[in-house]
Amino acid sequence: MACSATDTGNRVKAHCPGHITGIFTIEDQEPDFMKKGSRGLGFCTELGATSEVSFTPGTGQINISINSEKSDAPVTKLALQLMLPKLDLDITASIELQAPMGQGFGMSAAGTFATCLAAATALNIPEPMKEALTATHLAEIDMGSGLGDAAAMAAGGFVQRLAPGITHTDFQSMQANDAATPQPNAVRLATPDTEVLFCILGEKMSTQEIIRSPKTKEIISREGAKCLAEFEIKPDFDNFLILSNKFARDTGLLTREMSEALSVIEGVGRGSMVMLGNSIFAFGDIDKMEPVLTKHGKIIRTRLTQAPPSVM
């Protein structure tokens, strides 16, 4: 898409929620990146990412900072290049992440989605949500940094990813929840308006190493498929929490430290491992859980959100 300096305007800022996966499969056999990704269950959080984007006359250079520090931001840069392949403007994007990278909060996708949405809006590109969703998903798949966060973020709330990849109806269908709308790859389910607590237990994990390991992929997909089938029998949030814990344990992804942290909140809360991070999530009596989990790691409190990515 060729754009010129006449398309420049005021800075545009957008926000994208974070997304936490509790159960997933890895389904990357299709050569078409639009059909690659995962099935799974997760929820979106108010803590996510904001990005302010501006354009100046130039040759398509992309300058990105994350939390006020210059960054290569390879996923975000690739997404912008995919969305704006013939841009004759320079792009500046200032991304603020509200949660840590590499801990399963979906920050890579959130920062990228917010940036692409702001850029598409600033340039008056038709259907900016669709373009941002597509570019973010394709970049995440190409870079191995994620599988299904973008589709879930486009929905907001408690999301079930029914099929891998995205469709061009997703950005409309997932937000409309209209039975007459073509079936999307991901749907928003009923969810409580509640607070969630996270406990970060240690160093970040490499999503790429895990999702590209043949042995780990096989285990994750097998156990994920079992848990998703069990969820269909009782498709509610409580069962999601039970099955997320089962999935984390049966895949061997749950570490001893995570298990110990989850054990200290028994009776006052319930949760599981954040996929894929060295952290746990928990729902229940947050005020009682926080002091006991503080001994295990850094605490973050936020709320679930139904809100999809939006221009601010």
Protein backbone atom coordinates (compact mmCIF):
# COMPACT_ATOMS: atom_id res chain seq x y z
CA MET A 1 0.00 0.00 0.00
CA ALA A 2 1.62 3.21 -1.16
CA CYS A 3 1.09 6.18 1.14
CA SER A 4 2.57 9.63 0.91
CA ALA A 5 3.30 12.52 3.22
CA THR A 6 -0.16 13.91 2.48
CA ASP A 7 -1.51 11.00 4.50
CA THR A 8 0.24 12.11 7.66
CA GLY A 9 -1.71 13.65 10.50
CA ASN A 10 -1.78 13.77 14.23
CA ARG A 11 -0.28 11.05 16.35
CA VAL A 12 -2.63 8.12 16.90
CA LYS A 13 -2.59 5.99 20.03
CA ALA A 14 -4.15 2.55 20.49
CA HIS A 15 -4.49 0.01 23.28
CA CYS A 16 -4.58 -3.77 23.13
CA PRO A 17 -5.46 -6.02 26.10
CA GLY A 18 -3.13 -8.72 27.34
CA HIS A 19 -4.09 -12.34 26.84
CA ILE A 20 -3.44 -15.34 29.10
CA THR A 21 -3.65 -18.87 27.73
CA GLY A 22 -4.56 -21.73 30.04
CA ILE A 23 -4.95 -24.57 27.53
CA PHE A 24 -3.77 -24.87 23.94
CA THR A 25 -2.77 -27.12 21.09
CA ILE A 26 -0.11 -26.45 18.47
CA GLU A 27 -1.47 -26.73 14.93
CA ASP A 28 1.09 -25.53 12.43
CA GLN A 29 0.88 -28.14 9.68
CA GLU A 30 -0.84 -25.88 7.16
CA PRO A 31 1.52 -24.00 4.80
CA ASP A 32 -0.89 -21.04 4.83
CA PHE A 33 0.02 -18.86 7.81
CA MET A 34 -3.59 -17.66 8.02
CA LYS A 35 -4.50 -21.24 9.00
CA LYS A 36 -1.57 -21.86 11.35
CA GLY A 37 -1.85 -21.35 15.08
CA SER A 38 -3.58 -23.05 17.93
CA ARG A 39 -6.86 -24.05 19.48
CA GLY A 40 -7.30 -23.20 23.10
CA LEU A 41 -8.84 -21.30 25.99
CA GLY A 42 -7.72 -18.10 27.66
CA PHE A 43 -8.79 -14.70 28.92
CA CYS A 44 -7.95 -11.07 28.21
CA THR A 45 -6.73 -8.61 30.84
CA GLU A 46 -6.90 -4.85 31.27
CA LEU A 47 -3.12 -4.78 31.51
CA GLY A 48 -1.86 -4.88 27.96
CA ALA A 49 0.01 -2.50 25.70
CA THR A 50 -0.43 0.98 24.29
CA SER A 51 1.29 2.32 21.21
CA GLU A 52 1.51 5.85 19.86
CA VAL A 53 2.34 6.03 16.17
CA SER A 54 3.32 8.95 13.95
CA PHE A 55 4.56 9.37 10.38
CA THR A 56 6.98 11.71 8.67
CA PRO A 57 8.06 11.98 5.01
CA GLY A 58 10.69 9.34 4.32
CA THR A 59 11.50 5.99 2.79
CA GLY A 60 9.70 3.48 5.00
CA GLN A 61 12.08 3.39 7.95
CA ILE A 62 10.57 1.98 11.14
CA ASN A 63 11.70 3.33 14.51
CA ILE A 64 10.32 1.59 17.60
CA SER A 65 10.80 2.15 21.30
CA ILE A 66 9.47 -0.10 24.06
CA ASN A 67 9.01 1.43 27.51
CA SER A 68 11.04 4.47 26.36
CA GLU A 69 14.01 2.40 25.15
CA LYS A 70 14.92 1.94 21.49
CA SER A 71 14.14 -1.62 20.39
CA ASP A 72 14.53 -3.83 17.33
CA ALA A 73 11.01 -5.18 18.08
CA PRO A 74 11.24 -7.75 15.26
CA VAL A 75 7.62 -8.95 15.52
CA THR A 76 6.17 -5.44 15.43
CA LYS A 77 8.50 -4.36 12.65
CA LEU A 78 7.59 -7.37 10.51
CA ALA A 79 3.87 -6.79 11.08
CA LEU A 80 4.17 -3.17 9.92
CA GLN A 81 6.13 -4.26 6.86
CA LEU A 82 3.45 -6.82 6.00
CA MET A 83 0.65 -4.30 6.45
CA LEU A 84 2.45 -1.40 4.72
CA PRO A 85 4.82 -2.96 2.16
CA LYS A 86 5.27 0.12 -0.04
CA LEU A 87 5.14 2.91 2.48
CA ASP A 88 7.00 6.10 1.51
CA LEU A 89 6.77 7.49 5.03
CA ASP A 90 8.93 6.85 8.08
CA ILE A 91 7.15 5.34 11.07
CA THR A 92 7.80 6.08 14.72
CA ALA A 93 6.07 3.85 17.29
CA SER A 94 6.33 4.32 21.05
CA ILE A 95 5.08 1.19 22.80
CA GLU A 96 4.36 0.97 26.51
CA LEU A 97 4.00 -2.56 27.90
CA GLN A 98 1.97 -2.84 31.09
CA ALA A 99 3.19 -6.36 31.92
CA PRO A 100 6.53 -8.18 31.50
CA MET A 101 7.67 -9.77 28.25
CA GLY A 102 8.32 -13.51 28.12
CA GLN A 103 5.96 -14.39 30.97
CA GLY A 104 2.91 -15.44 28.96
CA PHE A 105 0.99 -12.16 29.13
CA GLY A 106 0.86 -11.80 25.34
CA MET A 107 2.88 -8.59 25.35
CA SER A 108 4.54 -9.26 22.00
CA ALA A 109 1.16 -9.58 20.31
CA ALA A 110 -0.41 -6.76 22.32
CA GLY A 111 2.32 -4.25 21.46
CA THR A 112 2.22 -5.28 17.82
CA PHE A 113 -1.59 -5.23 17.57
CA ALA A 114 -1.80 -1.79 19.19
CA THR A 115 0.91 -0.43 16.87
CA CYS A 116 -0.69 -1.82 13.72
CA LEU A 117 -4.14 -0.59 14.72
CA ALA A 118 -2.81 2.90 15.42
CA ALA A 119 -0.87 2.93 12.14
CA ALA A 120 -3.80 1.71 10.05
CA THR A 121 -6.08 4.28 11.68
CA ALA A 122 -3.61 7.13 11.18
CA LEU A 123 -3.35 6.33 7.47
CA ASN A 124 -7.13 5.91 7.04
CA ILE A 125 -6.72 2.33 5.86
CA PRO A 126 -10.12 0.64 5.39
CA GLU A 127 -10.99 -1.90 8.09
CA PRO A 128 -8.06 -1.09 10.37
CA MET A 129 -8.97 -3.79 12.93
CA LYS A 130 -8.94 -6.46 10.24
CA GLU A 131 -5.59 -5.28 8.88
CA ALA A 132 -4.03 -5.07 12.36
CA LEU A 133 -5.30 -8.53 13.34
CA THR A 134 -4.01 -10.10 10.14
CA ALA A 135 -0.57 -8.46 10.28
CA THR A 136 -0.11 -9.30 13.97
CA HIS A 137 -1.08 -12.93 13.53
CA LEU A 138 1.14 -13.43 10.49
CA ALA A 139 4.14 -11.82 12.17
CA GLU A 140 3.67 -13.86 15.36
CA ILE A 141 3.53 -17.11 13.39
CA ASP A 142 6.52 -16.19 11.23
CA MET A 143 8.68 -15.22 14.22
CA GLY A 144 7.54 -18.10 16.43
CA SER A 145 6.58 -15.72 19.22
CA GLY A 146 2.96 -16.80 19.54
CA LEU A 147 0.15 -18.89 18.12
CA GLY A 148 -3.27 -17.52 18.97
CA ASP A 149 -3.00 -14.36 21.06
CA ALA A 150 -4.02 -11.99 18.27
CA ALA A 151 -7.28 -13.80 17.53
CA ALA A 152 -8.17 -13.90 21.24
CA MET A 153 -7.30 -10.23 21.77
CA ALA A 154 -9.58 -9.25 18.90
CA ALA A 155 -12.44 -10.86 20.81
CA GLY A 156 -11.76 -9.70 24.36
CA GLY A 157 -13.03 -11.47 27.47
CA PHE A 158 -12.90 -15.23 28.05
CA VAL A 159 -12.09 -16.68 24.64
CA GLN A 160 -12.26 -20.13 23.10
CA ARG A 161 -10.16 -20.56 19.96
CA LEU A 162 -12.12 -23.13 17.98
CA ALA A 163 -9.72 -23.44 15.08
CA PRO A 164 -6.12 -22.42 14.38
CA GLY A 165 -5.37 -19.22 12.54
CA ILE A 166 -7.75 -16.39 11.73
CA THR A 167 -10.46 -15.66 9.21
CA HIS A 168 -11.34 -12.34 7.67
CA THR A 169 -14.66 -12.39 9.54
CA ASP A 170 -13.02 -12.78 12.95
CA PHE A 171 -12.68 -9.10 13.79
CA GLN A 172 -16.43 -8.64 13.22
CA SER A 173 -17.82 -11.99 14.36
CA MET A 174 -15.99 -12.23 17.66
CA GLN A 175 -17.17 -8.82 18.79
CA ALA A 176 -20.73 -9.16 17.46
CA ASN A 177 -21.51 -12.54 19.05
CA ASP A 178 -24.32 -12.73 16.52
CA ALA A 179 -25.62 -16.18 15.60
CA ALA A 180 -26.20 -14.93 12.06
CA THR A 181 -22.55 -13.98 11.67
CA PRO A 182 -20.29 -16.56 9.97
CA GLN A 183 -18.57 -18.81 12.50
CA PRO A 184 -15.20 -17.29 13.49
CA ASN A 185 -12.12 -19.18 14.58
CA ALA A 186 -12.50 -17.76 18.10
CA VAL A 187 -15.52 -16.89 20.22
CA ARG A 188 -16.11 -14.97 23.43
CA LEU A 189 -17.67 -17.00 26.23
CA ALA A 190 -19.48 -15.89 29.37
CA THR A 191 -16.98 -14.73 31.97
CA PRO A 192 -17.10 -13.18 35.43
CA ASP A 193 -16.23 -9.51 35.81
CA THR A 194 -13.48 -10.19 38.27
CA GLU A 195 -9.95 -9.48 39.37
CA VAL A 196 -7.06 -11.83 38.64
CA LEU A 197 -3.75 -12.16 40.44
CA PHE A 198 -0.45 -13.15 38.83
CA CYS A 199 2.71 -14.30 40.54
CA ILE A 200 5.94 -14.16 38.49
CA LEU A 201 8.26 -16.80 39.88
CA GLY A 202 11.48 -16.32 37.94
CA GLU A 203 13.16 -15.68 34.62
CA LYS A 204 11.14 -15.54 31.41
CA MET A 205 10.53 -18.55 29.16
CA SER A 206 11.23 -18.82 25.43
CA THR A 207 7.95 -19.42 23.63
CA GLN A 208 9.83 -20.13 20.41
CA GLU A 209 11.91 -22.93 21.94
CA ILE A 210 8.84 -24.63 23.38
CA ILE A 211 6.44 -24.41 20.44
CA ARG A 212 9.09 -25.47 17.91
CA SER A 213 10.31 -28.55 19.83
CA PRO A 214 8.79 -31.63 18.08
CA LYS A 215 8.56 -33.66 21.30
CA THR A 216 7.03 -30.84 23.32
CA LYS A 217 4.62 -29.97 20.52
CA GLU A 218 3.36 -33.55 20.44
CA ILE A 219 2.75 -33.63 24.20
CA ILE A 220 1.09 -30.22 24.28
CA SER A 221 -1.22 -30.98 21.38
CA ARG A 222 -2.23 -34.37 22.77
CA GLU A 223 -3.00 -33.14 26.27
CA GLY A 224 -4.50 -29.92 24.99
CA ALA A 225 -6.94 -31.80 22.76
CA LYS A 226 -8.01 -33.96 25.71
CA CYS A 227 -8.67 -30.95 27.92
CA LEU A 228 -10.55 -29.07 25.21
CA ALA A 229 -12.78 -32.10 24.67
CA GLU A 230 -13.48 -32.23 28.42
CA PHE A 231 -14.28 -28.52 28.41
CA GLU A 232 -17.01 -29.07 25.84
CA ILE A 233 -18.86 -31.25 28.37
CA LYS A 234 -19.00 -28.35 30.83
CA PRO A 235 -18.02 -25.15 29.00
CA ASP A 236 -17.78 -22.66 31.86
CA PHE A 237 -15.08 -20.63 33.58
CA ASP A 238 -14.80 -22.90 36.64
CA ASN A 239 -14.12 -25.91 34.44
CA PHE A 240 -11.57 -23.87 32.51
CA LEU A 241 -9.65 -23.32 35.76
CA ILE A 242 -9.78 -27.02 36.65
CA LEU A 243 -8.69 -28.14 33.20
CA SER A 244 -5.95 -25.50 32.88
CA ASN A 245 -4.34 -26.94 36.00
CA LYS A 246 -4.70 -30.46 34.63
CA PHE A 247 -3.17 -29.40 31.33
CA ALA A 248 -0.19 -27.73 32.99
CA ARG A 249 0.54 -30.82 35.07
CA ASP A 250 -0.07 -33.45 32.38
CA THR A 251 2.17 -31.69 29.86
CA GLY A 252 5.00 -31.44 32.38
CA LEU A 253 5.16 -27.66 31.83
CA LEU A 254 4.22 -26.92 35.45
CA THR A 255 7.41 -26.54 37.48
CA ARG A 256 7.93 -27.46 41.13
CA GLU A 257 7.98 -23.78 42.06
CA MET A 258 4.66 -23.19 40.29
CA SER A 259 3.11 -26.20 41.99
CA GLU A 260 4.28 -24.98 45.40
CA ALA A 261 2.89 -21.50 44.78
CA LEU A 262 -0.48 -22.92 43.73
CA SER A 263 -0.59 -25.19 46.77
CA VAL A 264 -0.39 -22.27 49.23
CA ILE A 265 -3.61 -20.73 47.90
CA GLU A 266 -5.73 -23.88 48.14
CA GLY A 267 -9.00 -23.08 49.85
CA VAL A 268 -8.92 -19.37 48.99
CA GLY A 269 -8.20 -19.46 45.27
CA ARG A 270 -7.62 -21.55 42.21
CA GLY A 271 -5.37 -21.08 39.23
CA SER A 272 -2.73 -22.55 36.98
CA MET A 273 0.39 -21.82 34.96
CA VAL A 274 0.43 -18.90 32.56
CA MET A 275 1.19 -20.33 29.10
CA LEU A 276 4.00 -19.84 28.33
CA GLY A 277 5.71 -18.11 31.21
CA ASN A 278 7.41 -18.72 34.51
CA SER A 279 4.32 -17.44 36.29
CA ILE A 280 0.91 -18.47 37.59
CA PHE A 281 -2.56 -16.91 37.54
CA ALA A 282 -5.14 -17.22 40.29
CA PHE A 283 -8.79 -16.33 40.90
CA GLY A 284 -10.56 -16.18 44.24
CA ASP A 285 -9.97 -14.12 47.37
CA ILE A 286 -7.22 -11.91 45.95
CA ASP A 287 -6.64 -10.04 49.21
CA LYS A 288 -5.92 -13.27 51.06
CA MET A 289 -3.80 -14.78 48.28
CA GLU A 290 -1.55 -11.77 47.71
CA PRO A 291 0.39 -11.85 51.02
CA VAL A 292 1.14 -15.58 50.84
CA LEU A 293 2.14 -15.47 47.17
CA THR A 294 4.38 -12.46 47.71
CA LYS A 295 6.87 -14.85 49.28
CA HIS A 296 7.06 -16.76 46.00
CA GLY A 297 7.49 -13.96 43.48
CA LYS A 298 6.41 -10.62 42.06
CA ILE A 299 2.68 -9.94 42.27
CA ILE A 300 0.57 -8.28 39.58
CA ARG A 301 -3.13 -7.55 40.02
CA THR A 302 -5.48 -6.64 37.19
CA ARG A 303 -8.97 -7.38 35.92
CA LEU A 304 -10.43 -9.40 33.10
CA THR A 305 -11.68 -7.25 30.24
CA GLN A 306 -14.26 -7.68 27.53
CA ALA A 307 -12.76 -4.79 25.57
CA PRO A 308 -10.99 -5.62 22.28
CA PRO A 309 -8.13 -3.48 20.90
CA SER A 310 -9.20 0.12 20.37
CA VAL A 311 -7.98 3.56 19.38
CA MET A 312 -7.61 5.83 22.39
